[in-house]
Protein backbone atom coordinates (compact mmCIF):
# COMPACT_ATOMS: atom_id res chain seq x y z
CA MET A 1 131.71 110.34 126.88
CA VAL A 2 128.57 112.33 127.62
CA LYS A 3 126.30 110.86 130.31
CA MET A 4 122.89 109.49 129.34
CA GLU A 5 121.04 112.25 131.22
CA ASP A 6 123.09 114.93 129.45
CA ALA A 7 122.42 113.37 126.04
CA GLU A 8 118.69 113.44 126.78
CA ARG A 9 118.85 117.13 127.82
CA ILE A 10 120.85 118.05 124.71
CA ALA A 11 118.32 116.28 122.47
CA VAL A 12 115.32 117.93 124.18
CA ASP A 13 116.95 121.36 123.87
CA PHE A 14 117.66 120.67 120.18
CA VAL A 15 114.03 119.70 119.47
CA LYS A 16 112.77 122.78 121.35
CA LYS A 17 115.08 125.03 119.31
CA LYS A 18 114.18 123.46 115.94
CA LYS A 19 110.44 122.81 116.36
CA ASN A 20 109.31 125.00 119.31
CA PRO A 21 106.84 122.43 120.74
CA GLN A 22 104.83 122.86 123.95
CA SER A 23 106.47 119.74 125.37
CA VAL A 24 108.94 117.01 124.40
CA ASN A 25 108.50 113.35 125.40
CA VAL A 26 111.60 111.15 125.38
CA SER A 27 110.82 107.45 124.94
CA SER A 28 114.35 106.01 124.96
CA VAL A 29 118.02 106.87 125.31
CA VAL A 30 120.28 104.00 124.26
CA PRO A 31 123.91 103.58 123.15
CA SER A 32 124.15 103.55 119.39
CA VAL A 33 126.61 102.15 116.91
CA PRO A 34 129.32 103.37 117.05
CA ALA A 35 129.11 102.79 120.79
CA ASP A 36 130.39 106.29 121.62
CA HIS A 37 127.06 107.84 120.56
CA TRP A 38 123.67 108.05 122.27
CA GLU A 39 120.47 107.57 120.30
CA VAL A 40 117.57 109.57 121.74
CA LYS A 41 114.03 108.85 120.51
CA GLY A 42 110.79 110.54 121.36
CA SER A 43 107.87 112.66 120.22
CA TYR A 44 106.24 116.05 120.64
CA PRO A 45 102.69 117.29 120.08
CA VAL A 46 101.73 119.30 116.98
CA GLN A 47 98.62 121.26 116.09
CA ILE A 48 97.18 121.25 112.60
CA THR A 49 94.19 123.07 111.16
CA HIS A 50 91.60 120.35 111.82
CA GLY A 51 93.10 118.34 114.64
CA ALA A 52 96.12 117.42 116.68
CA GLY A 53 98.80 114.79 116.62
CA SER A 54 102.46 114.14 117.19
CA GLU A 55 105.75 113.99 115.35
CA HIS A 56 108.61 111.66 116.20
CA PHE A 57 112.33 112.30 116.37
CA THR A 58 115.57 110.33 116.49
CA ILE A 59 118.70 112.25 117.47
CA GLU A 60 122.25 110.96 117.80
CA ILE A 61 124.50 112.70 120.32
CA ASP A 62 128.26 112.14 119.94
CA LYS A 63 130.75 111.67 122.78
CA GLU A 64 131.47 115.42 122.91
CA GLY A 65 127.78 116.26 123.36
CA ASN A 66 127.13 117.48 119.81
CA VAL A 67 124.18 116.50 117.63
CA ALA A 68 125.70 114.06 115.13
CA SER A 69 122.48 113.41 113.19
CA TYR A 70 118.76 113.87 113.52
CA LYS A 71 115.50 112.85 111.87
CA PHE A 72 111.99 114.24 112.33
CA GLU A 73 109.07 112.24 110.98
CA PRO A 74 105.27 112.48 111.14
CA GLY A 75 103.52 110.49 113.82
CA PHE A 76 99.77 110.16 114.15
CA PHE A 77 97.03 112.75 113.69
CA ILE A 78 93.53 112.93 115.13
CA ALA A 79 91.01 114.80 112.99
CA VAL A 80 88.39 116.89 114.75
CA ALA A 81 85.10 117.21 112.89
């Protein structure tokens, strides 16, 4: 099985490749069901026309170190007047 640190690195690299953010913040890396997967959760900053905010991600890494599934969803946005 892939180590927790490796699962985190794989997930961060995946987010960087898909979304090209300035930075990626991992909030948790926990075993998922089935137990041979890691679930990595976190967020990254995004810029929009009239403000800034973040988007969240959940990525499952399988025991071979492949991305088994992923989900990107909007976080919060701060409007600048």
